[in-house]
Amino acid sequence: MIGTLILQAQGGGLNAFVLPLAMVAIIYFFMIRPQMNRQKKEKKFQAELKKGTRVITTSGIHGKIVDINSNDNTITIETGAGKIKFEKAAVSLELSKKYMKTPEKK
């Protein structure tokens, strides 16, 4: 049985090369590339943050950006409890008018 497998592997030289190559291509297009695109969007979002923007952090804290320190990539967010300093990477979502639902008038 093992001898048969060895003979089959030796006989299909092209198949033995194409199959691993196809697997690497599938992994790249379905796992690595989408992750790289998400990282690019996240960096762009963090670069476009500005004072006065209402945001939500990854820990779920809602607040408004009152200070941005580009030297050490930190921002200060004002919440109901006071001002808190975060890394820019901790901001996960912008709360703007297009995302917030306003109550309908009757």
N, C-alpha and C. Protein backbone atom coordinates (compact mmCIF):
# COMPACT_ATOMS: atom_id res chain seq x y z
N MET A 1 0.82 -1.19 0.00
CA MET A 1 0.00 0.00 0.00
C MET A 1 0.87 1.26 0.00
N ILE A 2 1.89 1.29 0.84
CA ILE A 2 2.77 2.45 0.88
C ILE A 2 3.54 2.57 -0.43
N GLY A 3 3.93 1.44 -0.98
CA GLY A 3 4.64 1.45 -2.26
C GLY A 3 3.77 2.02 -3.36
N THR A 4 2.47 1.73 -3.34
CA THR A 4 1.54 2.26 -4.34
C THR A 4 1.44 3.77 -4.21
N LEU A 5 1.36 4.26 -2.99
CA LEU A 5 1.29 5.71 -2.77
C LEU A 5 2.54 6.42 -3.25
N ILE A 6 3.68 5.82 -3.03
CA ILE A 6 4.93 6.43 -3.47
C ILE A 6 4.99 6.48 -4.99
N LEU A 7 4.56 5.40 -5.64
CA LEU A 7 4.55 5.38 -7.10
C LEU A 7 3.57 6.41 -7.67
N GLN A 8 2.42 6.56 -7.02
CA GLN A 8 1.44 7.55 -7.49
C GLN A 8 1.98 8.96 -7.32
N ALA A 9 2.66 9.22 -6.23
CA ALA A 9 3.21 10.56 -5.98
C ALA A 9 4.33 10.87 -6.98
N GLN A 10 5.12 9.87 -7.31
CA GLN A 10 6.21 10.09 -8.26
C GLN A 10 5.67 10.27 -9.67
N GLY A 11 4.61 9.57 -10.01
CA GLY A 11 4.07 9.64 -11.36
C GLY A 11 3.35 10.95 -11.64
N GLY A 12 2.75 11.57 -10.68
CA GLY A 12 1.98 12.80 -10.90
C GLY A 12 2.77 14.02 -10.49
N GLY A 13 3.90 14.26 -11.11
CA GLY A 13 4.78 15.37 -10.75
C GLY A 13 4.10 16.73 -10.87
N LEU A 14 3.35 16.93 -11.94
CA LEU A 14 2.68 18.21 -12.14
C LEU A 14 1.57 18.41 -11.11
N ASN A 15 0.80 17.35 -10.85
CA ASN A 15 -0.27 17.44 -9.86
C ASN A 15 0.29 17.69 -8.46
N ALA A 16 1.42 17.09 -8.17
CA ALA A 16 2.03 17.27 -6.86
C ALA A 16 2.50 18.71 -6.66
N PHE A 17 2.74 19.42 -7.76
CA PHE A 17 3.17 20.82 -7.67
C PHE A 17 1.98 21.77 -7.69
N VAL A 18 0.96 21.46 -8.48
CA VAL A 18 -0.19 22.35 -8.66
C VAL A 18 -1.08 22.37 -7.42
N LEU A 19 -1.32 21.24 -6.80
CA LEU A 19 -2.22 21.17 -5.66
C LEU A 19 -1.77 22.06 -4.49
N PRO A 20 -0.52 21.99 -4.04
CA PRO A 20 -0.10 22.90 -2.96
C PRO A 20 -0.14 24.37 -3.38
N LEU A 21 0.18 24.64 -4.64
CA LEU A 21 0.13 26.01 -5.13
C LEU A 21 -1.31 26.54 -5.11
N ALA A 22 -2.25 25.69 -5.52
CA ALA A 22 -3.67 26.08 -5.48
C ALA A 22 -4.14 26.31 -4.05
N MET A 23 -3.68 25.50 -3.13
CA MET A 23 -4.07 25.67 -1.72
C MET A 23 -3.55 26.99 -1.17
N VAL A 24 -2.33 27.35 -1.51
CA VAL A 24 -1.76 28.62 -1.05
C VAL A 24 -2.54 29.78 -1.65
N ALA A 25 -2.93 29.68 -2.93
CA ALA A 25 -3.70 30.74 -3.57
C ALA A 25 -5.06 30.90 -2.91
N ILE A 26 -5.71 29.79 -2.58
CA ILE A 26 -7.01 29.85 -1.92
C ILE A 26 -6.88 30.50 -0.55
N ILE A 27 -5.89 30.12 0.21
CA ILE A 27 -5.67 30.71 1.54
C ILE A 27 -5.42 32.20 1.41
N TYR A 28 -4.63 32.60 0.41
CA TYR A 28 -4.33 34.02 0.23
C TYR A 28 -5.60 34.80 -0.07
N PHE A 29 -6.40 34.35 -1.04
CA PHE A 29 -7.56 35.13 -1.48
C PHE A 29 -8.73 35.09 -0.50
N PHE A 30 -8.83 34.07 0.33
CA PHE A 30 -9.95 33.99 1.25
C PHE A 30 -9.61 34.37 2.68
N MET A 31 -8.32 34.43 3.03
CA MET A 31 -7.97 34.75 4.41
C MET A 31 -7.04 35.95 4.53
N ILE A 32 -5.94 35.93 3.83
CA ILE A 32 -4.91 36.96 4.01
C ILE A 32 -5.33 38.28 3.37
N ARG A 33 -5.79 38.25 2.14
CA ARG A 33 -6.14 39.49 1.43
C ARG A 33 -7.28 40.26 2.11
N PRO A 34 -8.39 39.60 2.52
CA PRO A 34 -9.44 40.35 3.22
C PRO A 34 -8.95 40.97 4.52
N GLN A 35 -8.07 40.28 5.24
CA GLN A 35 -7.53 40.83 6.48
C GLN A 35 -6.69 42.07 6.20
N MET A 36 -5.90 42.04 5.13
CA MET A 36 -5.09 43.20 4.77
C MET A 36 -5.98 44.39 4.41
N ASN A 37 -7.08 44.14 3.70
CA ASN A 37 -8.01 45.22 3.35
C ASN A 37 -8.65 45.82 4.60
N ARG A 38 -9.03 44.97 5.57
CA ARG A 38 -9.59 45.48 6.82
C ARG A 38 -8.59 46.34 7.57
N GLN A 39 -7.32 45.93 7.59
CA GLN A 39 -6.29 46.70 8.27
C GLN A 39 -6.09 48.06 7.60
N LYS A 40 -6.13 48.11 6.27
CA LYS A 40 -5.99 49.38 5.55
C LYS A 40 -7.15 50.32 5.90
N LYS A 41 -8.37 49.80 5.92
CA LYS A 41 -9.54 50.62 6.25
C LYS A 41 -9.44 51.14 7.68
N GLU A 42 -8.99 50.30 8.59
CA GLU A 42 -8.85 50.70 9.99
C GLU A 42 -7.80 51.80 10.15
N LYS A 43 -6.67 51.67 9.48
CA LYS A 43 -5.63 52.72 9.55
C LYS A 43 -6.14 54.02 8.97
N LYS A 44 -6.87 53.95 7.88
CA LYS A 44 -7.43 55.16 7.26
C LYS A 44 -8.43 55.81 8.21
N PHE A 45 -9.28 55.01 8.84
CA PHE A 45 -10.25 55.53 9.80
C PHE A 45 -9.55 56.23 10.96
N GLN A 46 -8.51 55.61 11.50
CA GLN A 46 -7.79 56.19 12.63
C GLN A 46 -7.06 57.46 12.21
N ALA A 47 -6.57 57.53 11.00
CA ALA A 47 -5.87 58.73 10.53
C ALA A 47 -6.83 59.90 10.33
N GLU A 48 -8.10 59.61 10.04
CA GLU A 48 -9.08 60.66 9.78
C GLU A 48 -9.82 61.14 11.03
N LEU A 49 -9.47 60.60 12.20
CA LEU A 49 -10.13 61.06 13.43
C LEU A 49 -9.77 62.51 13.68
N LYS A 50 -10.75 63.28 14.17
CA LYS A 50 -10.50 64.69 14.47
C LYS A 50 -11.27 65.09 15.72
N LYS A 51 -10.92 66.24 16.24
CA LYS A 51 -11.56 66.74 17.46
C LYS A 51 -13.04 66.95 17.22
N GLY A 52 -13.82 66.64 18.25
CA GLY A 52 -15.26 66.84 18.18
C GLY A 52 -16.02 65.63 17.66
N THR A 53 -15.33 64.63 17.17
CA THR A 53 -15.98 63.44 16.64
C THR A 53 -16.47 62.57 17.80
N ARG A 54 -17.71 62.11 17.71
CA ARG A 54 -18.25 61.20 18.72
C ARG A 54 -17.88 59.78 18.31
N VAL A 55 -17.31 59.02 19.24
CA VAL A 55 -16.79 57.69 18.92
C VAL A 55 -17.18 56.68 20.00
N ILE A 56 -16.99 55.41 19.64
CA ILE A 56 -17.11 54.30 20.59
C ILE A 56 -15.78 53.57 20.58
N THR A 57 -15.27 53.24 21.76
CA THR A 57 -14.01 52.51 21.85
C THR A 57 -14.27 51.01 21.77
N THR A 58 -13.22 50.24 21.64
CA THR A 58 -13.36 48.78 21.58
C THR A 58 -13.91 48.22 22.89
N SER A 59 -13.74 48.94 23.98
CA SER A 59 -14.28 48.49 25.25
C SER A 59 -15.72 48.95 25.48
N GLY A 60 -16.28 49.68 24.50
CA GLY A 60 -17.69 50.07 24.59
C GLY A 60 -17.93 51.43 25.21
N ILE A 61 -16.91 52.22 25.43
CA ILE A 61 -17.07 53.55 26.03
C ILE A 61 -17.43 54.55 24.95
N HIS A 62 -18.51 55.29 25.18
CA HIS A 62 -18.96 56.33 24.25
C HIS A 62 -18.41 57.66 24.71
N GLY A 63 -18.00 58.50 23.76
CA GLY A 63 -17.50 59.82 24.13
C GLY A 63 -17.18 60.66 22.92
N LYS A 64 -16.65 61.84 23.21
CA LYS A 64 -16.29 62.79 22.16
C LYS A 64 -14.79 63.06 22.26
N ILE A 65 -14.12 63.10 21.11
CA ILE A 65 -12.68 63.36 21.09
C ILE A 65 -12.45 64.83 21.39
N VAL A 66 -11.63 65.10 22.43
CA VAL A 66 -11.31 66.49 22.79
C VAL A 66 -9.86 66.84 22.52
N ASP A 67 -8.99 65.83 22.35
CA ASP A 67 -7.59 66.10 22.08
C ASP A 67 -6.98 64.92 21.34
N ILE A 68 -6.13 65.23 20.35
CA ILE A 68 -5.41 64.20 19.61
C ILE A 68 -3.93 64.50 19.70
N ASN A 69 -3.16 63.54 20.21
CA ASN A 69 -1.72 63.69 20.33
C ASN A 69 -1.06 62.78 19.30
N SER A 70 -0.57 63.35 18.23
CA SER A 70 0.01 62.54 17.15
C SER A 70 1.41 62.03 17.49
N ASN A 71 2.05 62.58 18.51
CA ASN A 71 3.40 62.13 18.87
C ASN A 71 3.39 60.70 19.40
N ASP A 72 2.42 60.38 20.26
CA ASP A 72 2.38 59.04 20.83
C ASP A 72 1.10 58.29 20.47
N ASN A 73 0.39 58.75 19.43
CA ASN A 73 -0.81 58.09 18.92
C ASN A 73 -1.88 57.89 19.99
N THR A 74 -2.09 58.90 20.82
CA THR A 74 -3.15 58.82 21.82
C THR A 74 -4.20 59.88 21.55
N ILE A 75 -5.38 59.64 22.06
CA ILE A 75 -6.46 60.62 21.99
C ILE A 75 -7.09 60.72 23.37
N THR A 76 -7.67 61.87 23.66
CA THR A 76 -8.39 62.06 24.90
C THR A 76 -9.86 62.13 24.56
N ILE A 77 -10.64 61.29 25.24
CA ILE A 77 -12.08 61.22 25.00
C ILE A 77 -12.80 61.71 26.23
N GLU A 78 -13.77 62.60 26.02
CA GLU A 78 -14.58 63.10 27.11
C GLU A 78 -15.84 62.25 27.19
N THR A 79 -16.04 61.66 28.36
CA THR A 79 -17.22 60.84 28.61
C THR A 79 -18.06 61.50 29.69
N GLY A 80 -19.14 60.86 30.06
CA GLY A 80 -19.97 61.39 31.14
C GLY A 80 -19.24 61.41 32.47
N ALA A 81 -18.25 60.55 32.63
CA ALA A 81 -17.51 60.46 33.89
C ALA A 81 -16.26 61.33 33.91
N GLY A 82 -15.89 61.91 32.79
CA GLY A 82 -14.69 62.74 32.73
C GLY A 82 -13.90 62.46 31.48
N LYS A 83 -12.63 62.87 31.50
CA LYS A 83 -11.77 62.69 30.33
C LYS A 83 -10.88 61.47 30.53
N ILE A 84 -10.77 60.67 29.47
CA ILE A 84 -9.97 59.44 29.52
C ILE A 84 -9.04 59.43 28.32
N LYS A 85 -7.79 59.01 28.54
CA LYS A 85 -6.80 58.94 27.47
C LYS A 85 -6.74 57.51 26.92
N PHE A 86 -6.82 57.37 25.58
CA PHE A 86 -6.80 56.08 24.91
C PHE A 86 -5.78 56.09 23.79
N GLU A 87 -5.38 54.91 23.35
CA GLU A 87 -4.63 54.75 22.11
C GLU A 87 -5.61 54.94 20.96
N LYS A 88 -5.12 55.45 19.83
CA LYS A 88 -5.98 55.60 18.66
C LYS A 88 -6.55 54.26 18.22
N ALA A 89 -5.78 53.21 18.40
CA ALA A 89 -6.22 51.88 17.99
C ALA A 89 -7.42 51.39 18.79
N ALA A 90 -7.70 52.01 19.93
CA ALA A 90 -8.82 51.59 20.76
C ALA A 90 -10.16 52.13 20.25
N VAL A 91 -10.13 53.05 19.29
CA VAL A 91 -11.37 53.59 18.75
C VAL A 91 -11.86 52.64 17.67
N SER A 92 -13.12 52.19 17.81
CA SER A 92 -13.60 51.20 16.86
C SER A 92 -14.69 51.72 15.94
N LEU A 93 -15.42 52.76 16.33
CA LEU A 93 -16.56 53.19 15.54
C LEU A 93 -16.81 54.67 15.74
N GLU A 94 -17.22 55.34 14.68
CA GLU A 94 -17.59 56.75 14.76
C GLU A 94 -19.10 56.84 14.88
N LEU A 95 -19.55 57.64 15.82
CA LEU A 95 -20.98 57.88 15.97
C LEU A 95 -21.32 59.19 15.28
N SER A 96 -21.78 59.10 14.09
CA SER A 96 -22.15 60.31 13.37
C SER A 96 -23.65 60.27 13.10
N LYS A 97 -24.15 61.32 12.51
CA LYS A 97 -25.58 61.41 12.26
C LYS A 97 -26.07 60.33 11.32
N LYS A 98 -25.23 59.89 10.39
CA LYS A 98 -25.68 58.88 9.44
C LYS A 98 -25.82 57.51 10.09
N TYR A 99 -25.14 57.28 11.23
CA TYR A 99 -25.23 55.99 11.91
C TYR A 99 -26.27 56.01 13.03
N MET A 100 -26.53 57.17 13.57
CA MET A 100 -27.45 57.26 14.70
C MET A 100 -28.88 57.41 14.18
N LYS A 101 -29.79 56.66 14.77
CA LYS A 101 -31.19 56.79 14.41
C LYS A 101 -31.83 57.85 15.28
N THR A 102 -32.54 58.75 14.64
CA THR A 102 -33.25 59.78 15.40
C THR A 102 -34.69 59.37 15.54
N PRO A 103 -35.31 59.70 16.64
CA PRO A 103 -36.71 59.31 16.83
C PRO A 103 -37.60 60.03 15.82
N GLU A 104 -38.59 59.31 15.33
CA GLU A 104 -39.48 59.90 14.36
C GLU A 104 -40.46 60.84 15.03
N LYS A 105 -40.79 61.93 14.34
CA LYS A 105 -41.73 62.91 14.87
C LYS A 105 -43.14 62.43 14.57
N LYS A 106 -44.03 62.60 15.54
CA LYS A 106 -45.43 62.20 15.33
C LYS A 106 -46.30 63.39 15.08
